[in-house]
Structure formats: C-alpha cells, structure tokens
Amino acid sequence: AYARTGRSGDAAKMFTAAMNSNRSFDLVLADGQVMNSRTAA
C-alpha cells in the first residue's frame, strides 16, 4: 500500500521488517501461489 501511494521508503522498511521478522509462515498470494513470508517480502 505504501509503494502504491508513493511512499517507497516506508514500503522498503516494511518489506525489510517482514524479511527480518522472528516470525515467518506460508502465505497464499493473490494469484494462488504459496510462498514463505520472508521470500515474499
């Protein structure tokens, strides 16, 4: 949402935080693909 509203720096911070989170799990993406949250981030 940040990226789409032009807040690229905030978007990068969110993606980085998700990659570095101590939690991770599989996600079902909008296209139906299943991917680990760290990989998706």
All heavy atoms as atom14 arrays in JSON, in Angstrom:
{
  "sequence": "AYARTGRSGDAAKMFTAAMNSNRSFDLVLADGQVMNSRTAA",
  "atom14_mask": [
    [1, 1, 1, 1, 1, 0, 0, 0, 0, 0, 0, 0, 0, 0],
    [1, 1, 1, 1, 1, 1, 1, 1, 1, 1, 1, 1, 0, 0],
    [1, 1, 1, 1, 1, 0, 0, 0, 0, 0, 0, 0, 0, 0],
    [1, 1, 1, 1, 1, 1, 1, 1, 1, 1, 1, 0, 0, 0],
    [1, 1, 1, 1, 1, 1, 1, 0, 0, 0, 0, 0, 0, 0],
    [1, 1, 1, 1, 0, 0, 0, 0, 0, 0, 0, 0, 0, 0],
    [1, 1, 1, 1, 1, 1, 1, 1, 1, 1, 1, 0, 0, 0],
    [1, 1, 1, 1, 1, 1, 0, 0, 0, 0, 0, 0, 0, 0],
    [1, 1, 1, 1, 0, 0, 0, 0, 0, 0, 0, 0, 0, 0],
    [1, 1, 1, 1, 1, 1, 1, 1, 0, 0, 0, 0, 0, 0],
    [1, 1, 1, 1, 1, 0, 0, 0, 0, 0, 0, 0, 0, 0],
    [1, 1, 1, 1, 1, 0, 0, 0, 0, 0, 0, 0, 0, 0],
    [1, 1, 1, 1, 1, 1, 1, 1, 1, 0, 0, 0, 0, 0],
    [1, 1, 1, 1, 1, 1, 1, 1, 0, 0, 0, 0, 0, 0],
    [1, 1, 1, 1, 1, 1, 1, 1, 1, 1, 1, 0, 0, 0],
    [1, 1, 1, 1, 1, 1, 1, 0, 0, 0, 0, 0, 0, 0],
    [1, 1, 1, 1, 1, 0, 0, 0, 0, 0, 0, 0, 0, 0],
    [1, 1, 1, 1, 1, 0, 0, 0, 0, 0, 0, 0, 0, 0],
    [1, 1, 1, 1, 1, 1, 1, 1, 0, 0, 0, 0, 0, 0],
    [1, 1, 1, 1, 1, 1, 1, 1, 0, 0, 0, 0, 0, 0],
    [1, 1, 1, 1, 1, 1, 0, 0, 0, 0, 0, 0, 0, 0],
    [1, 1, 1, 1, 1, 1, 1, 1, 0, 0, 0, 0, 0, 0],
    [1, 1, 1, 1, 1, 1, 1, 1, 1, 1, 1, 0, 0, 0],
    [1, 1, 1, 1, 1, 1, 0, 0, 0, 0, 0, 0, 0, 0],
    [1, 1, 1, 1, 1, 1, 1, 1, 1, 1, 1, 0, 0, 0],
    [1, 1, 1, 1, 1, 1, 1, 1, 0, 0, 0, 0, 0, 0],
    [1, 1, 1, 1, 1, 1, 1, 1, 0, 0, 0, 0, 0, 0],
    [1, 1, 1, 1, 1, 1, 1, 0, 0, 0, 0, 0, 0, 0],
    [1, 1, 1, 1, 1, 1, 1, 1, 0, 0, 0, 0, 0, 0],
    [1, 1, 1, 1, 1, 0, 0, 0, 0, 0, 0, 0, 0, 0],
    [1, 1, 1, 1, 1, 1, 1, 1, 0, 0, 0, 0, 0, 0],
    [1, 1, 1, 1, 0, 0, 0, 0, 0, 0, 0, 0, 0, 0],
    [1, 1, 1, 1, 1, 1, 1, 1, 1, 0, 0, 0, 0, 0],
    [1, 1, 1, 1, 1, 1, 1, 0, 0, 0, 0, 0, 0, 0],
    [1, 1, 1, 1, 1, 1, 1, 1, 0, 0, 0, 0, 0, 0],
    [1, 1, 1, 1, 1, 1, 1, 1, 0, 0, 0, 0, 0, 0],
    [1, 1, 1, 1, 1, 1, 0, 0, 0, 0, 0, 0, 0, 0],
    [1, 1, 1, 1, 1, 1, 1, 1, 1, 1, 1, 0, 0, 0],
    [1, 1, 1, 1, 1, 1, 1, 0, 0, 0, 0, 0, 0, 0],
    [1, 1, 1, 1, 1, 0, 0, 0, 0, 0, 0, 0, 0, 0],
    [1, 1, 1, 1, 1, 0, 0, 0, 0, 0, 0, 0, 0, 0]
  ],
  "atom14_positions": [
    [[0.84, -1.21, 0.0], [0.0, 0.0, 0.0], [0.87, 1.25, 0.0], [0.57, 2.22, -0.72], [-0.94, -0.02, 1.21], [0.0, 0.0, 0.0], [0.0, 0.0, 0.0], [0.0, 0.0, 0.0], [0.0, 0.0, 0.0], [0.0, 0.0, 0.0], [0.0, 0.0, 0.0], [0.0, 0.0, 0.0], [0.0, 0.0, 0.0], [0.0, 0.0, 0.0]],
    [[1.94, 1.25, 0.78], [2.86, 2.39, 0.77], [3.46, 2.59, -0.62], [3.53, 3.71, -1.13], [3.99, 2.18, 1.77], [3.67, 2.44, 3.22], [4.41, 1.82, 4.22], [2.65, 3.31, 3.61], [4.16, 2.07, 5.56], [2.39, 3.56, 4.95], [3.15, 2.94, 5.92], [2.9, 3.19, 7.25], [0.0, 0.0, 0.0], [0.0, 0.0, 0.0]],
    [[3.91, 1.52, -1.24], [4.52, 1.63, -2.56], [3.53, 2.22, -3.56], [3.89, 3.07, -4.38], [5.0, 0.26, -3.04], [0.0, 0.0, 0.0], [0.0, 0.0, 0.0], [0.0, 0.0, 0.0], [0.0, 0.0, 0.0], [0.0, 0.0, 0.0], [0.0, 0.0, 0.0], [0.0, 0.0, 0.0], [0.0, 0.0, 0.0], [0.0, 0.0, 0.0]],
    [[2.3, 1.8, -3.49], [1.28, 2.29, -4.43], [0.91, 3.74, -4.18], [0.37, 4.39, -5.06], [0.03, 1.44, -4.32], [0.2, 0.02, -4.8], [-1.09, -0.7, -4.56], [-1.07, -2.07, -5.0], [-2.14, -2.82, -5.02], [-3.31, -2.34, -4.63], [-2.07, -4.06, -5.43], [0.0, 0.0, 0.0], [0.0, 0.0, 0.0], [0.0, 0.0, 0.0]],
    [[1.14, 4.24, -2.97], [0.82, 5.63, -2.67], [2.05, 6.52, -2.72], [2.03, 7.65, -2.26], [0.12, 5.76, -1.29], [0.96, 5.2, -0.29], [-1.23, 5.08, -1.29], [0.0, 0.0, 0.0], [0.0, 0.0, 0.0], [0.0, 0.0, 0.0], [0.0, 0.0, 0.0], [0.0, 0.0, 0.0], [0.0, 0.0, 0.0], [0.0, 0.0, 0.0]],
    [[3.14, 5.99, -3.28], [4.34, 6.79, -3.48], [5.28, 6.86, -2.29], [6.25, 7.62, -2.32], [0.0, 0.0, 0.0], [0.0, 0.0, 0.0], [0.0, 0.0, 0.0], [0.0, 0.0, 0.0], [0.0, 0.0, 0.0], [0.0, 0.0, 0.0], [0.0, 0.0, 0.0], [0.0, 0.0, 0.0], [0.0, 0.0, 0.0], [0.0, 0.0, 0.0]],
    [[5.03, 6.09, -1.27], [5.87, 6.1, -0.07], [6.89, 4.97, -0.15], [6.89, 4.04, 0.65], [4.99, 5.99, 1.17], [4.07, 7.2, 1.34], [3.07, 7.03, 2.45], [3.7, 6.86, 3.76], [3.02, 6.7, 4.88], [1.69, 6.69, 4.87], [3.65, 6.54, 6.03], [0.0, 0.0, 0.0], [0.0, 0.0, 0.0], [0.0, 0.0, 0.0]],
    [[7.79, 5.05, -1.11], [8.75, 3.97, -1.39], [9.65, 3.66, -0.21], [9.94, 2.49, 0.07], [9.59, 4.32, -2.61], [8.77, 4.49, -3.73], [0.0, 0.0, 0.0], [0.0, 0.0, 0.0], [0.0, 0.0, 0.0], [0.0, 0.0, 0.0], [0.0, 0.0, 0.0], [0.0, 0.0, 0.0], [0.0, 0.0, 0.0], [0.0, 0.0, 0.0]],
    [[10.12, 4.68, 0.49], [10.99, 4.45, 1.65], [10.28, 3.68, 2.74], [10.84, 2.74, 3.32], [0.0, 0.0, 0.0], [0.0, 0.0, 0.0], [0.0, 0.0, 0.0], [0.0, 0.0, 0.0], [0.0, 0.0, 0.0], [0.0, 0.0, 0.0], [0.0, 0.0, 0.0], [0.0, 0.0, 0.0], [0.0, 0.0, 0.0], [0.0, 0.0, 0.0]],
    [[9.04, 4.06, 3.02], [8.25, 3.34, 4.02], [7.96, 1.91, 3.56], [7.96, 0.98, 4.37], [6.94, 4.07, 4.3], [7.15, 5.39, 5.04], [8.12, 5.5, 5.81], [6.33, 6.3, 4.84], [0.0, 0.0, 0.0], [0.0, 0.0, 0.0], [0.0, 0.0, 0.0], [0.0, 0.0, 0.0], [0.0, 0.0, 0.0], [0.0, 0.0, 0.0]],
    [[7.71, 1.74, 2.26], [7.47, 0.4, 1.72], [8.7, -0.48, 1.94], [8.58, -1.61, 2.41], [7.13, 0.48, 0.23], [0.0, 0.0, 0.0], [0.0, 0.0, 0.0], [0.0, 0.0, 0.0], [0.0, 0.0, 0.0], [0.0, 0.0, 0.0], [0.0, 0.0, 0.0], [0.0, 0.0, 0.0], [0.0, 0.0, 0.0], [0.0, 0.0, 0.0]],
    [[9.87, 0.05, 1.62], [11.11, -0.71, 1.79], [11.31, -1.11, 3.25], [11.72, -2.25, 3.55], [12.3, 0.1, 1.29], [0.0, 0.0, 0.0], [0.0, 0.0, 0.0], [0.0, 0.0, 0.0], [0.0, 0.0, 0.0], [0.0, 0.0, 0.0], [0.0, 0.0, 0.0], [0.0, 0.0, 0.0], [0.0, 0.0, 0.0], [0.0, 0.0, 0.0]],
    [[10.98, -0.21, 4.18], [11.11, -0.52, 5.61], [10.19, -1.67, 6.0], [10.58, -2.55, 6.77], [10.79, 0.72, 6.45], [11.87, 1.78, 6.4], [11.45, 3.0, 7.19], [12.45, 4.12, 7.0], [12.01, 5.37, 7.65], [0.0, 0.0, 0.0], [0.0, 0.0, 0.0], [0.0, 0.0, 0.0], [0.0, 0.0, 0.0], [0.0, 0.0, 0.0]],
    [[8.96, -1.66, 5.49], [8.02, -2.72, 5.82], [8.48, -4.07, 5.26], [8.43, -5.08, 5.96], [6.62, -2.4, 5.29], [5.87, -1.35, 6.07], [5.45, -1.89, 7.74], [6.61, -0.92, 8.69], [0.0, 0.0, 0.0], [0.0, 0.0, 0.0], [0.0, 0.0, 0.0], [0.0, 0.0, 0.0], [0.0, 0.0, 0.0], [0.0, 0.0, 0.0]],
    [[8.92, -4.08, 4.0], [9.39, -5.34, 3.4], [10.61, -5.87, 4.16], [10.71, -7.06, 4.43], [9.72, -5.15, 1.92], [8.55, -4.74, 1.07], [8.72, -3.87, 0.01], [7.26, -5.22, 1.32], [7.65, -3.49, -0.78], [6.19, -4.85, 0.53], [6.38, -3.98, -0.52], [0.0, 0.0, 0.0], [0.0, 0.0, 0.0], [0.0, 0.0, 0.0]],
    [[11.53, -4.98, 4.51], [12.73, -5.38, 5.25], [12.36, -5.93, 6.63], [12.9, -6.94, 7.07], [13.71, -4.2, 5.37], [14.06, -3.77, 4.04], [14.96, -4.59, 6.13], [0.0, 0.0, 0.0], [0.0, 0.0, 0.0], [0.0, 0.0, 0.0], [0.0, 0.0, 0.0], [0.0, 0.0, 0.0], [0.0, 0.0, 0.0], [0.0, 0.0, 0.0]],
    [[11.42, -5.26, 7.29], [10.97, -5.74, 8.61], [10.34, -7.12, 8.51], [10.58, -7.98, 9.35], [9.99, -4.73, 9.22], [0.0, 0.0, 0.0], [0.0, 0.0, 0.0], [0.0, 0.0, 0.0], [0.0, 0.0, 0.0], [0.0, 0.0, 0.0], [0.0, 0.0, 0.0], [0.0, 0.0, 0.0], [0.0, 0.0, 0.0], [0.0, 0.0, 0.0]],
    [[9.56, -7.35, 7.45], [8.95, -8.68, 7.26], [10.0, -9.74, 6.98], [9.9, -10.86, 7.48], [7.93, -8.62, 6.13], [0.0, 0.0, 0.0], [0.0, 0.0, 0.0], [0.0, 0.0, 0.0], [0.0, 0.0, 0.0], [0.0, 0.0, 0.0], [0.0, 0.0, 0.0], [0.0, 0.0, 0.0], [0.0, 0.0, 0.0], [0.0, 0.0, 0.0]],
    [[11.02, -9.37, 6.2], [12.11, -10.32, 5.92], [12.87, -10.69, 7.18], [13.28, -11.83, 7.37], [13.1, -9.71, 4.91], [12.62, -9.7, 3.5], [13.7, -8.76, 2.36], [15.32, -9.0, 2.98], [0.0, 0.0, 0.0], [0.0, 0.0, 0.0], [0.0, 0.0, 0.0], [0.0, 0.0, 0.0], [0.0, 0.0, 0.0], [0.0, 0.0, 0.0]],
    [[13.06, -9.71, 8.06], [13.87, -9.9, 9.26], [13.06, -10.3, 10.49], [13.62, -10.46, 11.57], [14.66, -8.63, 9.57], [15.66, -8.33, 8.49], [16.2, -9.22, 7.85], [15.91, -7.04, 8.25], [0.0, 0.0, 0.0], [0.0, 0.0, 0.0], [0.0, 0.0, 0.0], [0.0, 0.0, 0.0], [0.0, 0.0, 0.0], [0.0, 0.0, 0.0]],
    [[11.77, -10.46, 10.32], [10.89, -10.79, 11.44], [11.29, -12.13, 12.05], [11.75, -13.04, 11.36], [9.44, -10.87, 10.95], [8.6, -11.33, 11.97], [0.0, 0.0, 0.0], [0.0, 0.0, 0.0], [0.0, 0.0, 0.0], [0.0, 0.0, 0.0], [0.0, 0.0, 0.0], [0.0, 0.0, 0.0], [0.0, 0.0, 0.0], [0.0, 0.0, 0.0]],
    [[11.08, -12.26, 13.36], [11.35, -13.55, 14.01], [10.22, -14.53, 13.74], [10.3, -15.68, 14.13], [11.59, -13.37, 15.51], [10.39, -12.79, 16.24], [9.39, -12.43, 15.63], [10.5, -12.7, 17.55], [0.0, 0.0, 0.0], [0.0, 0.0, 0.0], [0.0, 0.0, 0.0], [0.0, 0.0, 0.0], [0.0, 0.0, 0.0], [0.0, 0.0, 0.0]],
    [[9.17, -14.08, 13.06], [8.05, -14.94, 12.66], [8.07, -15.09, 11.15], [8.35, -14.15, 10.43], [6.72, -14.3, 13.06], [6.54, -14.12, 14.53], [5.24, -13.4, 14.86], [4.11, -14.12, 14.3], [2.96, -13.54, 14.02], [2.78, -12.26, 14.22], [1.95, -14.25, 13.54], [0.0, 0.0, 0.0], [0.0, 0.0, 0.0], [0.0, 0.0, 0.0]],
    [[7.76, -16.28, 10.69], [7.56, -16.49, 9.26], [6.59, -17.64, 9.09], [6.49, -18.52, 9.95], [8.87, -16.78, 8.52], [9.32, -18.08, 8.78], [0.0, 0.0, 0.0], [0.0, 0.0, 0.0], [0.0, 0.0, 0.0], [0.0, 0.0, 0.0], [0.0, 0.0, 0.0], [0.0, 0.0, 0.0], [0.0, 0.0, 0.0], [0.0, 0.0, 0.0]],
    [[5.84, -17.6, 8.02], [4.87, -18.64, 7.72], [4.55, -18.58, 6.25], [4.94, -17.64, 5.55], [3.6, -18.49, 8.57], [3.13, -17.07, 8.75], [2.43, -16.42, 7.74], [3.41, -16.4, 9.92], [2.01, -15.11, 7.9], [2.98, -15.08, 10.09], [2.28, -14.44, 9.07], [0.0, 0.0, 0.0], [0.0, 0.0, 0.0], [0.0, 0.0, 0.0]],
    [[3.88, -19.61, 5.77], [3.49, -19.65, 4.38], [2.29, -18.75, 4.14], [1.38, -18.69, 4.97], [3.16, -21.08, 3.94], [4.41, -21.93, 3.81], [5.53, -21.39, 3.75], [4.25, -23.16, 3.78], [0.0, 0.0, 0.0], [0.0, 0.0, 0.0], [0.0, 0.0, 0.0], [0.0, 0.0, 0.0], [0.0, 0.0, 0.0], [0.0, 0.0, 0.0]],
    [[2.31, -18.07, 3.01], [1.23, -17.18, 2.6], [0.64, -17.67, 1.3], [1.36, -18.21, 0.46], [1.77, -15.76, 2.37], [2.54, -15.12, 3.51], [3.2, -13.83, 3.04], [1.61, -14.84, 4.67], [0.0, 0.0, 0.0], [0.0, 0.0, 0.0], [0.0, 0.0, 0.0], [0.0, 0.0, 0.0], [0.0, 0.0, 0.0], [0.0, 0.0, 0.0]],
    [[-0.64, -17.47, 1.11], [-1.26, -17.71, -0.18], [-1.36, -16.34, -0.84], [-2.04, -15.44, -0.34], [-2.66, -18.34, -0.05], [-3.28, -18.53, -1.43], [-2.58, -19.67, 0.68], [0.0, 0.0, 0.0], [0.0, 0.0, 0.0], [0.0, 0.0, 0.0], [0.0, 0.0, 0.0], [0.0, 0.0, 0.0], [0.0, 0.0, 0.0], [0.0, 0.0, 0.0]],
    [[-0.65, -16.15, -1.94], [-0.63, -14.87, -2.62], [-1.9, -14.66, -3.41], [-2.7, -15.57, -3.6], [0.6, -14.79, -3.54], [1.95, -15.06, -2.87], [3.06, -14.9, -3.87], [2.17, -14.18, -1.65], [0.0, 0.0, 0.0], [0.0, 0.0, 0.0], [0.0, 0.0, 0.0], [0.0, 0.0, 0.0], [0.0, 0.0, 0.0], [0.0, 0.0, 0.0]],
    [[-2.08, -13.46, -3.91], [-3.29, -13.11, -4.66], [-3.49, -14.0, -5.88], [-4.61, -14.25, -6.29], [-3.24, -11.65, -5.08], [0.0, 0.0, 0.0], [0.0, 0.0, 0.0], [0.0, 0.0, 0.0], [0.0, 0.0, 0.0], [0.0, 0.0, 0.0], [0.0, 0.0, 0.0], [0.0, 0.0, 0.0], [0.0, 0.0, 0.0], [0.0, 0.0, 0.0]],
    [[-2.4, -14.52, -6.43], [-2.51, -15.38, -7.62], [-2.65, -16.86, -7.25], [-2.65, -17.72, -8.12], [-1.32, -15.18, -8.55], [0.0, -15.64, -7.96], [0.04, -16.04, -6.78], [1.01, -15.58, -8.68], [0.0, 0.0, 0.0], [0.0, 0.0, 0.0], [0.0, 0.0, 0.0], [0.0, 0.0, 0.0], [0.0, 0.0, 0.0], [0.0, 0.0, 0.0]],
    [[-2.78, -17.16, -5.95], [-2.95, -18.54, -5.51], [-1.65, -19.25, -5.17], [-1.67, -20.34, -4.61], [0.0, 0.0, 0.0], [0.0, 0.0, 0.0], [0.0, 0.0, 0.0], [0.0, 0.0, 0.0], [0.0, 0.0, 0.0], [0.0, 0.0, 0.0], [0.0, 0.0, 0.0], [0.0, 0.0, 0.0], [0.0, 0.0, 0.0], [0.0, 0.0, 0.0]],
    [[-0.53, -18.66, -5.48], [0.78, -19.23, -5.21], [1.04, -19.24, -3.69], [0.69, -18.29, -3.0], [1.82, -18.36, -5.93], [3.21, -18.83, -5.87], [4.14, -17.89, -6.63], [5.3, -18.2, -6.72], [3.71, -16.78, -7.16], [0.0, 0.0, 0.0], [0.0, 0.0, 0.0], [0.0, 0.0, 0.0], [0.0, 0.0, 0.0], [0.0, 0.0, 0.0]],
    [[1.66, -20.29, -3.18], [2.02, -20.37, -1.77], [3.51, -20.08, -1.65], [4.33, -20.65, -2.38], [1.69, -21.77, -1.19], [2.14, -21.87, 0.26], [0.21, -22.06, -1.31], [0.0, 0.0, 0.0], [0.0, 0.0, 0.0], [0.0, 0.0, 0.0], [0.0, 0.0, 0.0], [0.0, 0.0, 0.0], [0.0, 0.0, 0.0], [0.0, 0.0, 0.0]],
    [[3.83, -19.18, -0.71], [5.22, -18.75, -0.56], [5.48, -18.38, 0.9], [4.61, -17.84, 1.58], [5.45, -17.52, -1.46], [6.86, -17.0, -1.48], [7.0, -15.57, -2.6], [6.62, -16.32, -4.16], [0.0, 0.0, 0.0], [0.0, 0.0, 0.0], [0.0, 0.0, 0.0], [0.0, 0.0, 0.0], [0.0, 0.0, 0.0], [0.0, 0.0, 0.0]],
    [[6.69, -18.63, 1.37], [7.08, -18.23, 2.71], [7.07, -16.71, 2.81], [7.44, -16.01, 1.87], [8.46, -18.78, 3.05], [8.88, -18.41, 4.45], [9.49, -17.36, 4.66], [8.55, -19.26, 5.4], [0.0, 0.0, 0.0], [0.0, 0.0, 0.0], [0.0, 0.0, 0.0], [0.0, 0.0, 0.0], [0.0, 0.0, 0.0], [0.0, 0.0, 0.0]],
    [[6.66, -16.18, 3.96], [6.55, -14.74, 4.13], [7.89, -14.02, 3.93], [7.93, -12.92, 3.37], [5.97, -14.4, 5.51], [6.76, -14.94, 6.56], [0.0, 0.0, 0.0], [0.0, 0.0, 0.0], [0.0, 0.0, 0.0], [0.0, 0.0, 0.0], [0.0, 0.0, 0.0], [0.0, 0.0, 0.0], [0.0, 0.0, 0.0], [0.0, 0.0, 0.0]],
    [[8.98, -14.63, 4.34], [10.29, -13.98, 4.14], [10.63, -13.89, 2.65], [11.15, -12.88, 2.17], [11.38, -14.75, 4.88], [11.31, -14.55, 6.37], [12.52, -15.12, 7.09], [12.4, -14.85, 8.51], [12.23, -15.78, 9.43], [12.19, -17.06, 9.1], [12.11, -15.44, 10.7], [0.0, 0.0, 0.0], [0.0, 0.0, 0.0], [0.0, 0.0, 0.0]],
    [[10.34, -14.94, 1.92], [10.58, -14.93, 0.48], [9.69, -13.91, -0.21], [10.15, -13.16, -1.08], [10.34, -16.34, -0.11], [11.19, -17.27, 0.57], [10.6, -16.37, -1.59], [0.0, 0.0, 0.0], [0.0, 0.0, 0.0], [0.0, 0.0, 0.0], [0.0, 0.0, 0.0], [0.0, 0.0, 0.0], [0.0, 0.0, 0.0], [0.0, 0.0, 0.0]],
    [[8.43, -13.85, 0.18], [7.5, -12.89, -0.41], [7.97, -11.46, -0.15], [7.93, -10.61, -1.05], [6.09, -13.1, 0.14], [0.0, 0.0, 0.0], [0.0, 0.0, 0.0], [0.0, 0.0, 0.0], [0.0, 0.0, 0.0], [0.0, 0.0, 0.0], [0.0, 0.0, 0.0], [0.0, 0.0, 0.0], [0.0, 0.0, 0.0], [0.0, 0.0, 0.0]],
    [[8.43, -11.19, 1.06], [8.92, -9.85, 1.39], [10.17, -9.51, 0.59], [10.33, -8.39, 0.1], [9.21, -9.77, 2.89], [0.0, 0.0, 0.0], [0.0, 0.0, 0.0], [0.0, 0.0, 0.0], [0.0, 0.0, 0.0], [0.0, 0.0, 0.0], [0.0, 0.0, 0.0], [0.0, 0.0, 0.0], [0.0, 0.0, 0.0], [0.0, 0.0, 0.0]]
  ]
}
